[in-house]
Amino acid sequence: MVPEPPPLPALTRAKGELVDAYLAVVDLLGKINPSRSTHTYGALRAAQALVGRAEALREALALMHARGESEVHADTLARALRVLDGERRAGRVTLPRA
């Protein structure tokens, strides 16, 4: 039986959107990574989608700024990223070990 993951920390809607958009960008960059991809078509589709996800990331940050959320609270957001498997997902952006 798979253990239940820890709960997400409390986030504002904008911070939740920031985390979601960031992970979407990370996932796409992992698909584009030439050291890990096997087909150009999949990487091309990911690169095309990256534009929209980068815009969503920008909008989440703009919303936070407009609402007066001037601090990022890195520790809280890092916990949220870990709960959402961010370490594994971000690992696909780096070069594989030789």
PDB file of N, CA and C in Angstrom:
ATOM      1  N   MET A   1       0.834  -1.176   0.000  1.00  0.00           N
ATOM      2  CA  MET A   1       0.000   0.000   0.000  1.00  0.00           C
ATOM      3  C   MET A   1       0.885   1.249   0.000  1.00  0.00           C
ATOM      4  N   VAL A   2       0.567   2.200  -0.852  1.00  0.00           N
ATOM      5  CA  VAL A   2       1.343   3.426  -0.984  1.00  0.00           C
ATOM      6  C   VAL A   2       0.983   4.373   0.162  1.00  0.00           C
ATOM      7  N   PRO A   3       1.999   4.912   0.869  1.00  0.00           N
ATOM      8  CA  PRO A   3       1.683   5.832   1.956  1.00  0.00           C
ATOM      9  C   PRO A   3       1.079   7.126   1.418  1.00  0.00           C
ATOM     10  N   GLU A   4       0.222   7.713   2.218  1.00  0.00           N
ATOM     11  CA  GLU A   4      -0.419   8.970   1.817  1.00  0.00           C
ATOM     12  C   GLU A   4       0.603  10.095   1.870  1.00  0.00           C
ATOM     13  N   PRO A   5       0.658  10.924   0.830  1.00  0.00           N
ATOM     14  CA  PRO A   5       1.629  12.035   0.844  1.00  0.00           C
ATOM     15  C   PRO A   5       1.233  13.054   1.906  1.00  0.00           C
ATOM     16  N   PRO A   6       2.212  13.825   2.355  1.00  0.00           N
ATOM     17  CA  PRO A   6       1.871  14.869   3.330  1.00  0.00           C
ATOM     18  C   PRO A   6       0.949  15.897   2.685  1.00  0.00           C
ATOM     19  N   PRO A   7       0.168  16.591   3.485  1.00  0.00           N
ATOM     20  CA  PRO A   7      -0.748  17.582   2.913  1.00  0.00           C
ATOM     21  C   PRO A   7       0.018  18.781   2.356  1.00  0.00           C
ATOM     22  N   LEU A   8      -0.575  19.409   1.371  1.00  0.00           N
ATOM     23  CA  LEU A   8       0.002  20.648   0.839  1.00  0.00           C
ATOM     24  C   LEU A   8      -0.075  21.731   1.899  1.00  0.00           C
ATOM     25  N   PRO A   9       0.932  22.588   1.975  1.00  0.00           N
ATOM     26  CA  PRO A   9       0.815  23.729   2.886  1.00  0.00           C
ATOM     27  C   PRO A   9      -0.264  24.683   2.383  1.00  0.00           C
ATOM     28  N   ALA A  10      -0.791  25.484   3.283  1.00  0.00           N
ATOM     29  CA  ALA A  10      -1.809  26.462   2.905  1.00  0.00           C
ATOM     30  C   ALA A  10      -1.179  27.503   1.986  1.00  0.00           C
ATOM     31  N   LEU A  11      -1.801  27.694   0.822  1.00  0.00           N
ATOM     32  CA  LEU A  11      -1.312  28.647  -0.171  1.00  0.00           C
ATOM     33  C   LEU A  11      -2.464  29.543  -0.609  1.00  0.00           C
ATOM     34  N   THR A  12      -2.139  30.770  -0.952  1.00  0.00           N
ATOM     35  CA  THR A  12      -3.151  31.604  -1.581  1.00  0.00           C
ATOM     36  C   THR A  12      -3.429  31.026  -2.963  1.00  0.00           C
ATOM     37  N   ARG A  13      -4.538  31.441  -3.547  1.00  0.00           N
ATOM     38  CA  ARG A  13      -4.872  30.949  -4.884  1.00  0.00           C
ATOM     39  C   ARG A  13      -3.761  31.299  -5.868  1.00  0.00           C
ATOM     40  N   ALA A  14      -3.230  32.519  -5.756  1.00  0.00           N
ATOM     41  CA  ALA A  14      -2.175  32.951  -6.674  1.00  0.00           C
ATOM     42  C   ALA A  14      -0.903  32.122  -6.482  1.00  0.00           C
ATOM     43  N   LYS A  15      -0.561  31.822  -5.238  1.00  0.00           N
ATOM     44  CA  LYS A  15       0.633  30.999  -4.999  1.00  0.00           C
ATOM     45  C   LYS A  15       0.414  29.576  -5.495  1.00  0.00           C
ATOM     46  N   GLY A  16      -0.786  29.069  -5.352  1.00  0.00           N
ATOM     47  CA  GLY A  16      -1.096  27.752  -5.897  1.00  0.00           C
ATOM     48  C   GLY A  16      -0.957  27.749  -7.407  1.00  0.00           C
ATOM     49  N   GLU A  17      -1.423  28.809  -8.049  1.00  0.00           N
ATOM     50  CA  GLU A  17      -1.283  28.917  -9.502  1.00  0.00           C
ATOM     51  C   GLU A  17       0.182  29.053  -9.900  1.00  0.00           C
ATOM     52  N   LEU A  18       0.968  29.758  -9.093  1.00  0.00           N
ATOM     53  CA  LEU A  18       2.403  29.884  -9.345  1.00  0.00           C
ATOM     54  C   LEU A  18       3.066  28.505  -9.310  1.00  0.00           C
ATOM     55  N   VAL A  19       2.776  27.725  -8.297  1.00  0.00           N
ATOM     56  CA  VAL A  19       3.363  26.389  -8.177  1.00  0.00           C
ATOM     57  C   VAL A  19       2.936  25.517  -9.356  1.00  0.00           C
ATOM     58  N   ASP A  20       1.646  25.537  -9.681  1.00  0.00           N
ATOM     59  CA  ASP A  20       1.152  24.724 -10.798  1.00  0.00           C
ATOM     60  C   ASP A  20       1.795  25.126 -12.125  1.00  0.00           C
ATOM     61  N   ALA A  21       1.872  26.430 -12.374  1.00  0.00           N
ATOM     62  CA  ALA A  21       2.452  26.907 -13.635  1.00  0.00           C
ATOM     63  C   ALA A  21       3.942  26.606 -13.696  1.00  0.00           C
ATOM     64  N   TYR A  22       4.640  26.767 -12.575  1.00  0.00           N
ATOM     65  CA  TYR A  22       6.068  26.468 -12.532  1.00  0.00           C
ATOM     66  C   TYR A  22       6.309  24.994 -12.857  1.00  0.00           C
ATOM     67  N   LEU A  23       5.544  24.105 -12.237  1.00  0.00           N
ATOM     68  CA  LEU A  23       5.732  22.680 -12.496  1.00  0.00           C
ATOM     69  C   LEU A  23       5.375  22.316 -13.933  1.00  0.00           C
ATOM     70  N   ALA A  24       4.387  22.991 -14.501  1.00  0.00           N
ATOM     71  CA  ALA A  24       4.054  22.741 -15.906  1.00  0.00           C
ATOM     72  C   ALA A  24       5.220  23.124 -16.812  1.00  0.00           C
ATOM     73  N   VAL A  25       5.865  24.250 -16.503  1.00  0.00           N
ATOM     74  CA  VAL A  25       7.039  24.675 -17.280  1.00  0.00           C
ATOM     75  C   VAL A  25       8.173  23.674 -17.102  1.00  0.00           C
ATOM     76  N   VAL A  26       8.398  23.240 -15.880  1.00  0.00           N
ATOM     77  CA  VAL A  26       9.459  22.258 -15.607  1.00  0.00           C
ATOM     78  C   VAL A  26       9.199  20.963 -16.378  1.00  0.00           C
ATOM     79  N   ASP A  27       7.945  20.505 -16.363  1.00  0.00           N
ATOM     80  CA  ASP A  27       7.612  19.282 -17.101  1.00  0.00           C
ATOM     81  C   ASP A  27       7.901  19.433 -18.587  1.00  0.00           C
ATOM     82  N   LEU A  28       7.546  20.579 -19.144  1.00  0.00           N
ATOM     83  CA  LEU A  28       7.801  20.809 -20.569  1.00  0.00           C
ATOM     84  C   LEU A  28       9.290  20.890 -20.867  1.00  0.00           C
ATOM     85  N   LEU A  29      10.041  21.575 -20.003  1.00  0.00           N
ATOM     86  CA  LEU A  29      11.492  21.642 -20.209  1.00  0.00           C
ATOM     87  C   LEU A  29      12.111  20.252 -20.137  1.00  0.00           C
ATOM     88  N   GLY A  30      11.583  19.395 -19.266  1.00  0.00           N
ATOM     89  CA  GLY A  30      12.065  18.016 -19.204  1.00  0.00           C
ATOM     90  C   GLY A  30      11.815  17.272 -20.503  1.00  0.00           C
ATOM     91  N   LYS A  31      10.682  17.541 -21.150  1.00  0.00           N
ATOM     92  CA  LYS A  31      10.375  16.891 -22.426  1.00  0.00           C
ATOM     93  C   LYS A  31      11.235  17.437 -23.558  1.00  0.00           C
ATOM     94  N   ILE A  32      11.650  18.682 -23.437  1.00  0.00           N
ATOM     95  CA  ILE A  32      12.467  19.318 -24.472  1.00  0.00           C
ATOM     96  C   ILE A  32      13.944  18.949 -24.316  1.00  0.00           C
ATOM     97  N   ASN A  33      14.368  18.626 -23.120  1.00  0.00           N
ATOM     98  CA  ASN A  33      15.770  18.346 -22.807  1.00  0.00           C
ATOM     99  C   ASN A  33      16.357  17.371 -23.832  1.00  0.00           C
ATOM    100  N   PRO A  34      17.312  17.827 -24.651  1.00  0.00           N
ATOM    101  CA  PRO A  34      17.852  16.967 -25.705  1.00  0.00           C
ATOM    102  C   PRO A  34      18.640  15.770 -25.173  1.00  0.00           C
ATOM    103  N   SER A  35      19.058  15.826 -23.924  1.00  0.00           N
ATOM    104  CA  SER A  35      19.788  14.684 -23.374  1.00  0.00           C
ATOM    105  C   SER A  35      18.841  13.596 -22.870  1.00  0.00           C
ATOM    106  N   ARG A  36      17.548  13.866 -22.887  1.00  0.00           N
ATOM    107  CA  ARG A  36      16.579  12.886 -22.397  1.00  0.00           C
ATOM    108  C   ARG A  36      15.490  12.540 -23.414  1.00  0.00           C
ATOM    109  N   SER A  37      15.284  13.376 -24.414  1.00  0.00           N
ATOM    110  CA  SER A  37      14.213  13.101 -25.367  1.00  0.00           C
ATOM    111  C   SER A  37      14.705  12.150 -26.457  1.00  0.00           C
ATOM    112  N   THR A  38      13.748  11.491 -27.095  1.00  0.00           N
ATOM    113  CA  THR A  38      14.115  10.531 -28.133  1.00  0.00           C
ATOM    114  C   THR A  38      13.539  10.894 -29.493  1.00  0.00           C
ATOM    115  N   HIS A  39      12.553  11.783 -29.522  1.00  0.00           N
ATOM    116  CA  HIS A  39      11.917  12.156 -30.782  1.00  0.00           C
ATOM    117  C   HIS A  39      11.780  13.670 -30.876  1.00  0.00           C
ATOM    118  N   THR A  40      12.049  14.200 -32.035  1.00  0.00           N
ATOM    119  CA  THR A  40      11.955  15.647 -32.220  1.00  0.00           C
ATOM    120  C   THR A  40      10.516  16.137 -32.138  1.00  0.00           C
ATOM    121  N   TYR A  41       9.556  15.326 -32.582  1.00  0.00           N
ATOM    122  CA  TYR A  41       8.176  15.792 -32.598  1.00  0.00           C
ATOM    123  C   TYR A  41       7.658  16.067 -31.181  1.00  0.00           C
ATOM    124  N   GLY A  42       7.945  15.175 -30.251  1.00  0.00           N
ATOM    125  CA  GLY A  42       7.528  15.388 -28.865  1.00  0.00           C
ATOM    126  C   GLY A  42       8.179  16.621 -28.267  1.00  0.00           C
ATOM    127  N   ALA A  43       9.465  16.819 -28.557  1.00  0.00           N
ATOM    128  CA  ALA A  43      10.163  18.006 -28.062  1.00  0.00           C
ATOM    129  C   ALA A  43       9.604  19.274 -28.698  1.00  0.00           C
ATOM    130  N   LEU A  44       9.268  19.197 -29.980  1.00  0.00           N
ATOM    131  CA  LEU A  44       8.674  20.341 -30.669  1.00  0.00           C
ATOM    132  C   LEU A  44       7.337  20.706 -30.042  1.00  0.00           C
ATOM    133  N   ARG A  45       6.491  19.721 -29.796  1.00  0.00           N
ATOM    134  CA  ARG A  45       5.175  19.983 -29.193  1.00  0.00           C
ATOM    135  C   ARG A  45       5.342  20.589 -27.803  1.00  0.00           C
ATOM    136  N   ALA A  46       6.304  20.097 -27.033  1.00  0.00           N
ATOM    137  CA  ALA A  46       6.557  20.646 -25.705  1.00  0.00           C
ATOM    138  C   ALA A  46       7.046  22.086 -25.805  1.00  0.00           C
ATOM    139  N   ALA A  47       7.917  22.367 -26.767  1.00  0.00           N
ATOM    140  CA  ALA A  47       8.419  23.735 -26.951  1.00  0.00           C
ATOM    141  C   ALA A  47       7.287  24.681 -27.340  1.00  0.00           C
ATOM    142  N   GLN A  48       6.370  24.211 -28.170  1.00  0.00           N
ATOM    143  CA  GLN A  48       5.232  25.045 -28.553  1.00  0.00           C
ATOM    144  C   GLN A  48       4.334  25.322 -27.351  1.00  0.00           C
ATOM    145  N   ALA A  49       4.121  24.335 -26.512  1.00  0.00           N
ATOM    146  CA  ALA A  49       3.275  24.500 -25.329  1.00  0.00           C
ATOM    147  C   ALA A  49       3.953  25.357 -24.264  1.00  0.00           C
ATOM    148  N   LEU A  50       5.272  25.397 -24.285  1.00  0.00           N
ATOM    149  CA  LEU A  50       6.027  26.151 -23.289  1.00  0.00           C
ATOM    150  C   LEU A  50       5.646  27.628 -23.276  1.00  0.00           C
ATOM    151  N   VAL A  51       5.369  28.179 -24.421  1.00  0.00           N
ATOM    152  CA  VAL A  51       5.011  29.600 -24.516  1.00  0.00           C
ATOM    153  C   VAL A  51       3.778  29.889 -23.663  1.00  0.00           C
ATOM    154  N   GLY A  52       2.746  29.084 -23.817  1.00  0.00           N
ATOM    155  CA  GLY A  52       1.515  29.291 -23.054  1.00  0.00           C
ATOM    156  C   GLY A  52       1.703  29.088 -21.568  1.00  0.00           C
ATOM    157  N   ARG A  53       2.487  28.088 -21.203  1.00  0.00           N
ATOM    158  CA  ARG A  53       2.709  27.836 -19.777  1.00  0.00           C
ATOM    159  C   ARG A  53       3.578  28.925 -19.159  1.00  0.00           C
ATOM    160  N   ALA A  54       4.526  29.471 -19.921  1.00  0.00           N
ATOM    161  CA  ALA A  54       5.331  30.586 -19.413  1.00  0.00           C
ATOM    162  C   ALA A  54       4.448  31.815 -19.201  1.00  0.00           C
ATOM    163  N   GLU A  55       3.482  32.012 -20.063  1.00  0.00           N
ATOM    164  CA  GLU A  55       2.540  33.119 -19.882  1.00  0.00           C
ATOM    165  C   GLU A  55       1.707  32.912 -18.622  1.00  0.00           C
ATOM    166  N   ALA A  56       1.278  31.688 -18.366  1.00  0.00           N
ATOM    167  CA  ALA A  56       0.518  31.397 -17.150  1.00  0.00           C
ATOM    168  C   ALA A  56       1.366  31.643 -15.910  1.00  0.00           C
ATOM    169  N   LEU A  57       2.638  31.305 -15.983  1.00  0.00           N
ATOM    170  CA  LEU A  57       3.561  31.558 -14.878  1.00  0.00           C
ATOM    171  C   LEU A  57       3.702  33.061 -14.647  1.00  0.00           C
ATOM    172  N   ARG A  58       3.862  33.800 -15.726  1.00  0.00           N
ATOM    173  CA  ARG A  58       3.954  35.262 -15.616  1.00  0.00           C
ATOM    174  C   ARG A  58       2.679  35.840 -15.009  1.00  0.00           C
ATOM    175  N   GLU A  59       1.528  35.359 -15.446  1.00  0.00           N
ATOM    176  CA  GLU A  59       0.254  35.866 -14.936  1.00  0.00           C
ATOM    177  C   GLU A  59       0.086  35.567 -13.449  1.00  0.00           C
ATOM    178  N   ALA A  60       0.512  34.398 -13.006  1.00  0.00           N
ATOM    179  CA  ALA A  60       0.426  34.067 -11.586  1.00  0.00           C
ATOM    180  C   ALA A  60       1.284  35.017 -10.760  1.00  0.00           C
ATOM    181  N   LEU A  61       2.476  35.290 -11.246  1.00  0.00           N
ATOM    182  CA  LEU A  61       3.349  36.232 -10.536  1.00  0.00           C
ATOM    183  C   LEU A  61       2.793  37.656 -10.581  1.00  0.00           C
ATOM    184  N   ALA A  62       2.219  38.048 -11.701  1.00  0.00           N
ATOM    185  CA  ALA A  62       1.625  39.384 -11.812  1.00  0.00           C
ATOM    186  C   ALA A  62       0.437  39.518 -10.864  1.00  0.00           C
ATOM    187  N   LEU A  63      -0.365  38.462 -10.748  1.00  0.00           N
ATOM    188  CA  LEU A  63      -1.502  38.482  -9.831  1.00  0.00           C
ATOM    189  C   LEU A  63      -1.032  38.613  -8.392  1.00  0.00           C
ATOM    190  N   MET A  64      -0.006  37.866  -8.033  1.00  0.00           N
ATOM    191  CA  MET A  64       0.553  37.988  -6.686  1.00  0.00           C
ATOM    192  C   MET A  64       1.021  39.414  -6.423  1.00  0.00           C
ATOM    193  N   HIS A  65       1.724  39.979  -7.377  1.00  0.00           N
ATOM    194  CA  HIS A  65       2.234  41.339  -7.225  1.00  0.00           C
ATOM    195  C   HIS A  65       1.079  42.348  -7.103  1.00  0.00           C
ATOM    196  N   ALA A  66       0.078  42.195  -7.939  1.00  0.00           N
ATOM    197  CA  ALA A  66      -1.064  43.114  -7.915  1.00  0.00           C
ATOM    198  C   ALA A  66      -1.832  43.027  -6.599  1.00  0.00           C
ATOM    199  N   ARG A  67      -1.855  41.864  -5.991  1.00  0.00           N
ATOM    200  CA  ARG A  67      -2.554  41.678  -4.712  1.00  0.00           C
ATOM    201  C   ARG A  67      -1.707  42.091  -3.516  1.00  0.00           C
ATOM    202  N   GLY A  68      -0.512  42.559  -3.778  1.00  0.00           N
ATOM    203  CA  GLY A  68       0.357  42.982  -2.694  1.00  0.00           C
ATOM    204  C   GLY A  68       1.161  41.850  -2.078  1.00  0.00           C
ATOM    205  N   GLU A  69       1.158  40.689  -2.705  1.00  0.00           N
ATOM    206  CA  GLU A  69       1.967  39.571  -2.215  1.00  0.00           C
ATOM    207  C   GLU A  69       3.383  39.770  -2.728  1.00  0.00           C
ATOM    208  N   SER A  70       4.162  40.518  -1.978  1.00  0.00           N
ATOM    209  CA  SER A  70       5.495  40.874  -2.452  1.00  0.00           C
ATOM    210  C   SER A  70       6.555  39.853  -2.048  1.00  0.00           C
ATOM    211  N   GLU A  71       6.240  38.977  -1.110  1.00  0.00           N
ATOM    212  CA  GLU A  71       7.197  37.962  -0.676  1.00  0.00           C
ATOM    213  C   GLU A  71       6.814  36.610  -1.252  1.00  0.00           C
ATOM    214  N   VAL A  72       7.814  35.811  -1.571  1.00  0.00           N
ATOM    215  CA  VAL A  72       7.575  34.513  -2.189  1.00  0.00           C
ATOM    216  C   VAL A  72       7.387  33.403  -1.147  1.00  0.00           C
ATOM    217  N   HIS A  73       7.951  33.518   0.040  1.00  0.00           N
ATOM    218  CA  HIS A  73       7.893  32.471   1.070  1.00  0.00           C
ATOM    219  C   HIS A  73       8.437  31.150   0.511  1.00  0.00           C
ATOM    220  N   ALA A  74       9.711  31.173   0.220  1.00  0.00           N
ATOM    221  CA  ALA A  74      10.379  30.061  -0.459  1.00  0.00           C
ATOM    222  C   ALA A  74      10.239  28.739   0.290  1.00  0.00           C
ATOM    223  N   ASP A  75      10.326  28.745   1.609  1.00  0.00           N
ATOM    224  CA  ASP A  75      10.231  27.483   2.356  1.00  0.00           C
ATOM    225  C   ASP A  75       8.865  26.825   2.160  1.00  0.00           C
ATOM    226  N   THR A  76       7.811  27.622   2.230  1.00  0.00           N
ATOM    227  CA  THR A  76       6.459  27.088   2.053  1.00  0.00           C
ATOM    228  C   THR A  76       6.265  26.571   0.639  1.00  0.00           C
ATOM    229  N   LEU A  77       6.724  27.338  -0.345  1.00  0.00           N
ATOM    230  CA  LEU A  77       6.573  26.910  -1.734  1.00  0.00           C
ATOM    231  C   LEU A  77       7.432  25.684  -2.027  1.00  0.00           C
ATOM    232  N   ALA A  78       8.592  25.589  -1.415  1.00  0.00           N
ATOM    233  CA  ALA A  78       9.438  24.401  -1.594  1.00  0.00           C
ATOM    234  C   ALA A  78       8.737  23.167  -1.036  1.00  0.00           C
ATOM    235  N   ARG A  79       8.060  23.301   0.122  1.00  0.00           N
ATOM    236  CA  ARG A  79       7.301  22.164   0.666  1.00  0.00           C
ATOM    237  C   ARG A  79       6.204  21.743  -0.301  1.00  0.00           C
ATOM    238  N   ALA A  80       5.501  22.722  -0.865  1.00  0.00           N
ATOM    239  CA  ALA A  80       4.443  22.399  -1.832  1.00  0.00           C
ATOM    240  C   ALA A  80       5.031  21.688  -3.048  1.00  0.00           C
ATOM    241  N   LEU A  81       6.166  22.167  -3.543  1.00  0.00           N
ATOM    242  CA  LEU A  81       6.798  21.535  -4.703  1.00  0.00           C
ATOM    243  C   LEU A  81       7.219  20.101  -4.386  1.00  0.00           C
ATOM    244  N   ARG A  82       7.722  19.870  -3.179  1.00  0.00           N
ATOM    245  CA  ARG A  82       8.115  18.508  -2.813  1.00  0.00           C
ATOM    246  C   ARG A  82       6.911  17.576  -2.751  1.00  0.00           C
ATOM    247  N   VAL A  83       5.810  18.057  -2.173  1.00  0.00           N
ATOM    248  CA  VAL A  83       4.593  17.238  -2.101  1.00  0.00           C
ATOM    249  C   VAL A  83       4.112  16.883  -3.499  1.00  0.00           C
ATOM    250  N   LEU A  84       4.284  17.790  -4.449  1.00  0.00           N
ATOM    251  CA  LEU A  84       3.824  17.578  -5.822  1.00  0.00           C
ATOM    252  C   LEU A  84       4.895  16.918  -6.700  1.00  0.00           C
ATOM    253  N   ASP A  85       5.876  16.283  -6.068  1.00  0.00           N
ATOM    254  CA  ASP A  85       6.912  15.527  -6.773  1.00  0.00           C
ATOM    255  C   ASP A  85       7.813  16.430  -7.612  1.00  0.00           C
ATOM    256  N   GLY A  86       8.016  17.652  -7.156  1.00  0.00           N
ATOM    257  CA  GLY A  86       8.811  18.623  -7.892  1.00  0.00           C
ATOM    258  C   GLY A  86      10.267  18.239  -8.057  1.00  0.00           C
ATOM    259  N   GLU A  87      10.831  17.539  -7.075  1.00  0.00           N
ATOM    260  CA  GLU A  87      12.248  17.160  -7.191  1.00  0.00           C
ATOM    261  C   GLU A  87      12.465  16.209  -8.358  1.00  0.00           C
ATOM    262  N   ARG A  88      11.609  15.195  -8.468  1.00  0.00           N
ATOM    263  CA  ARG A  88      11.744  14.261  -9.590  1.00  0.00           C
ATOM    264  C   ARG A  88      11.479  14.973 -10.907  1.00  0.00           C
ATOM    265  N   ARG A  89      10.459  15.803 -10.937  1.00  0.00           N
ATOM    266  CA  ARG A  89      10.092  16.489 -12.172  1.00  0.00           C
ATOM    267  C   ARG A  89      11.200  17.445 -12.609  1.00  0.00           C
ATOM    268  N   ALA A  90      11.782  18.168 -11.667  1.00  0.00           N
ATOM    269  CA  ALA A  90      12.870  19.096 -11.991  1.00  0.00           C
ATOM    270  C   ALA A  90      14.129  18.324 -12.402  1.00  0.00           C
ATOM    271  N   GLY A  91      14.294  17.120 -11.901  1.00  0.00           N
ATOM    272  CA  GLY A  91      15.459  16.311 -12.262  1.00  0.00           C
ATOM    273  C   GLY A  91      15.513  15.982 -13.732  1.00  0.00           C
ATOM    274  N   ARG A  92      14.391  15.985 -14.415  1.00  0.00           N
ATOM    275  CA  ARG A  92      14.368  15.690 -15.857  1.00  0.00           C
ATOM    276  C   ARG A  92      14.927  16.850 -16.685  1.00  0.00           C
ATOM    277  N   VAL A  93      15.073  18.022 -16.060  1.00  0.00           N
ATOM    278  CA  VAL A  93      15.620  19.181 -16.772  1.00  0.00           C
ATOM    279  C   VAL A  93      17.145  19.112 -16.806  1.00  0.00           C
ATOM    280  N   THR A  94      17.739  18.425 -15.861  1.00  0.00           N
ATOM    281  CA  THR A  94      19.191  18.363 -15.781  1.00  0.00           C
ATOM    282  C   THR A  94      19.746  17.252 -16.669  1.00  0.00           C
ATOM    283  N   LEU A  95      21.057  17.248 -16.805  1.00  0.00           N
ATOM    284  CA  LEU A  95      21.722  16.190 -17.578  1.00  0.00           C
ATOM    285  C   LEU A  95      21.719  14.899 -16.789  1.00  0.00           C
ATOM    286  N   PRO A  96      21.506  13.763 -17.458  1.00  0.00           N
ATOM    287  CA  PRO A  96      21.602  12.487 -16.748  1.00  0.00           C
ATOM    288  C   PRO A  96      23.043  12.235 -16.308  1.00  0.00           C
ATOM    289  N   ARG A  97      23.179  11.465 -15.257  1.00  0.00           N
ATOM    290  CA  ARG A  97      24.537  11.120 -14.796  1.00  0.00           C
ATOM    291  C   ARG A  97      25.226  10.266 -15.848  1.00  0.00           C
ATOM    292  N   ALA A  98      26.497  10.541 -16.046  1.00  0.00           N
ATOM    293  CA  ALA A  98      27.278   9.801 -17.049  1.00  0.00           C
ATOM    294  C   ALA A  98      27.692   8.456 -16.543  1.00  0.00           C
TER     295      ALA A  98
END
